[in-house]
C-alpha cells in the first residue's frame, strides 16, 4: 500500500474546505483543516506512519469541531422568556395617546426585551408625549401607568 504524501493531505484538505462552500453546514471545514494540519506535519516529519496520520487527522478534526460548537460559537440561543419581571418599572415616553380601550405606543430610551417601541395599554387616558412606567408585560404589549 502506498502511503499518502504531504501534498495528498493538502489537496484533500483544500477540497474539503471548498466543499464547505457547496454544503454550508459549517462542519466539513474542520475535517479539511485537520487534513491541512496533517499535511503540514508530514512536511516537517515525513516518517509518520499512515495509522498515525489517520489518528492525528481524526483527533484534530473532532477537536476543532468540538471547540467550535462548544467553546467559540457565540450565537447561543437564548430567549427572553421569564425576563418580563425585569421590565416592570421601566420608564418610557408615549408616542401616541392611550386610553382604556385604545392602545397606544411607548418608546423606551434603550431596548426593552429587544425592542425600543412597544404597543401599550392602560386603565386611564394618557396624552402622547407623557412619560409612563411599565406595570407588566402581557403577551406582545406592555401595561403602563402615568409617571407621577
Protein backbone atom coordinates (compact mmCIF):
# COMPACT_ATOMS: atom_id res chain seq x y z
CA UNK A 1 0.00 0.00 0.00
CA UNK A 2 1.29 3.43 -0.90
CA UNK A 3 1.23 5.86 1.99
CA UNK A 4 -0.09 9.34 1.22
CA UNK A 5 2.44 12.14 0.84
CA UNK A 6 2.09 15.57 2.42
CA UNK A 7 0.56 17.06 -0.71
CA UNK A 8 -2.17 14.39 -0.78
CA UNK A 9 -3.36 15.65 2.60
CA UNK A 10 -3.09 19.29 1.49
CA UNK A 11 -5.12 18.68 -1.68
CA UNK A 12 -7.69 16.67 0.27
CA UNK A 13 -7.87 19.40 2.91
CA UNK A 14 -8.37 22.13 0.32
CA UNK A 15 -11.05 20.02 -1.38
CA UNK A 16 -12.91 19.60 1.93
CA UNK A 17 -12.65 23.31 2.71
CA UNK A 18 -14.02 24.10 -0.77
CA UNK A 19 -16.75 21.51 -0.29
CA UNK A 20 -17.92 23.62 2.65
CA UNK A 21 -18.87 26.30 0.11
CA UNK A 22 -21.24 23.84 -1.60
CA UNK A 23 -22.57 22.32 1.63
CA UNK A 24 -22.88 25.26 4.05
CA UNK A 25 -23.16 23.19 7.22
CA UNK A 26 -20.01 24.67 8.80
CA UNK A 27 -18.97 21.17 9.67
CA UNK A 28 -16.91 19.83 6.76
CA UNK A 29 -14.40 22.67 7.08
CA UNK A 30 -12.98 21.21 10.30
CA UNK A 31 -12.11 17.93 8.57
CA UNK A 32 -10.43 19.92 5.79
CA UNK A 33 -8.41 21.92 8.31
CA UNK A 34 -7.46 18.65 10.05
CA UNK A 35 -6.17 17.31 6.73
CA UNK A 36 -4.18 20.51 6.16
CA UNK A 37 -2.66 20.07 9.63
CA UNK A 38 -1.60 16.51 8.82
CA UNK A 39 -0.13 17.71 5.50
CA UNK A 40 1.86 20.35 7.37
CA UNK A 41 3.10 17.78 9.90
CA UNK A 42 4.19 15.45 7.08
CA UNK A 43 6.27 18.26 5.56
CA UNK A 44 8.14 18.54 8.88
CA UNK A 45 8.20 14.83 9.83
CA UNK A 46 7.80 12.73 6.66
CA UNK A 47 8.26 9.44 8.52
CA UNK A 48 4.81 9.42 10.19
CA UNK A 49 3.02 6.11 9.63
CA UNK A 50 -0.35 6.02 7.88
CA UNK A 51 -2.05 4.96 11.10
CA UNK A 52 -0.56 7.92 12.95
CA UNK A 53 -1.66 10.24 10.14
CA UNK A 54 -5.25 8.97 10.36
CA UNK A 55 -5.27 9.28 14.17
CA UNK A 56 -3.92 12.85 14.04
CA UNK A 57 -6.44 13.81 11.34
CA UNK A 58 -9.34 12.30 13.31
CA UNK A 59 -8.34 13.86 16.63
CA UNK A 60 -7.64 17.26 15.08
CA UNK A 61 -10.91 17.29 13.13
CA UNK A 62 -13.06 16.20 16.05
CA UNK A 63 -11.18 18.50 18.43
CA UNK A 64 -11.68 21.56 16.20
CA UNK A 65 -15.35 20.69 15.71
CA UNK A 66 -15.94 20.37 19.45
CA UNK A 67 -14.03 23.59 20.15
CA UNK A 68 -16.08 25.47 17.59
CA UNK A 69 -19.51 24.26 18.63
CA UNK A 70 -18.95 24.20 22.40
CA UNK A 71 -16.48 26.98 23.16
CA UNK A 72 -16.07 29.58 20.42
CA UNK A 73 -19.51 29.70 18.88
CA UNK A 74 -21.18 32.79 20.33
CA UNK A 75 -24.70 32.52 18.99
CA UNK A 76 -26.10 30.53 21.83
CA UNK A 77 -29.84 30.54 21.54
CA UNK A 78 -31.36 32.49 24.38
CA UNK A 79 -34.92 33.51 24.87
CA UNK A 80 -36.43 36.40 26.75
CA UNK A 81 -38.93 34.07 28.39
CA UNK A 82 -39.03 34.65 32.11
CA UNK A 83 -37.37 38.06 31.84
CA UNK A 84 -40.60 40.09 31.84
CA UNK A 85 -40.21 40.87 35.55
CA UNK A 86 -37.04 42.81 34.77
CA UNK A 87 -39.08 45.21 32.60
CA UNK A 88 -41.51 46.25 35.33
CA UNK A 89 -40.71 49.79 36.40
CA UNK A 90 -39.00 50.82 33.14
CA UNK A 91 -39.87 54.37 32.09
CA UNK A 92 -40.76 55.34 28.53
CA UNK A 93 -42.47 58.10 26.59
CA UNK A 94 -45.80 57.69 24.83
CA UNK A 95 -45.57 58.13 21.07
CA UNK A 96 -49.35 58.01 20.65
CA UNK A 97 -52.13 58.73 23.11
CA UNK A 98 -53.54 55.78 25.01
CA UNK A 99 -56.91 55.18 26.68
CA UNK A 100 -58.61 52.18 28.33
CA UNK A 101 -59.93 50.75 25.04
CA UNK A 102 -57.47 52.49 22.69
CA UNK A 103 -53.97 51.00 22.57
CA UNK A 104 -51.02 53.30 22.04
CA UNK A 105 -47.28 53.03 21.61
CA UNK A 106 -44.48 53.71 24.06
CA UNK A 107 -40.82 54.27 23.16
CA UNK A 108 -38.01 53.40 25.55
CA UNK A 109 -34.62 55.09 25.61
CA UNK A 110 -32.89 51.71 25.44
CA UNK A 111 -34.34 48.48 24.00
CA UNK A 112 -36.60 46.55 26.37
CA UNK A 113 -36.63 42.81 25.64
CA UNK A 114 -35.16 43.57 22.23
CA UNK A 115 -37.44 46.42 21.09
CA UNK A 116 -37.46 50.19 21.62
CA UNK A 117 -41.09 50.64 20.55
CA UNK A 118 -43.87 48.66 22.23
CA UNK A 119 -47.63 48.62 21.93
CA UNK A 120 -49.14 49.61 25.25
CA UNK A 121 -52.45 49.61 27.10
CA UNK A 122 -53.61 51.40 30.22
CA UNK A 123 -56.51 51.96 32.60
CA UNK A 124 -56.54 55.77 32.22
CA UNK A 125 -56.27 58.30 29.39
CA UNK A 126 -52.71 59.48 28.86
CA UNK A 127 -51.69 62.02 26.19
CA UNK A 128 -48.89 61.49 23.70
CA UNK A 129 -45.54 62.80 24.94
CA UNK A 130 -46.20 61.86 28.58
CA UNK A 131 -43.78 59.68 30.50
CA UNK A 132 -45.12 56.32 31.67
CA UNK A 133 -43.83 53.36 33.64
CA UNK A 134 -44.37 49.69 32.86
CA UNK A 135 -46.66 47.81 35.22
CA UNK A 136 -46.50 44.43 33.45
CA UNK A 137 -45.77 42.65 30.19
CA UNK A 138 -48.88 40.96 28.83
CA UNK A 139 -48.07 39.00 25.73
CA UNK A 140 -46.94 41.33 22.95
CA UNK A 141 -47.82 44.57 24.73
CA UNK A 142 -46.99 46.35 27.97
CA UNK A 143 -49.45 47.72 30.52
CA UNK A 144 -48.42 51.23 31.57
CA UNK A 145 -49.41 53.88 34.08
CA UNK A 146 -48.62 57.60 34.17
CA UNK A 147 -45.36 58.51 35.85
CA UNK A 148 -46.04 60.85 38.77
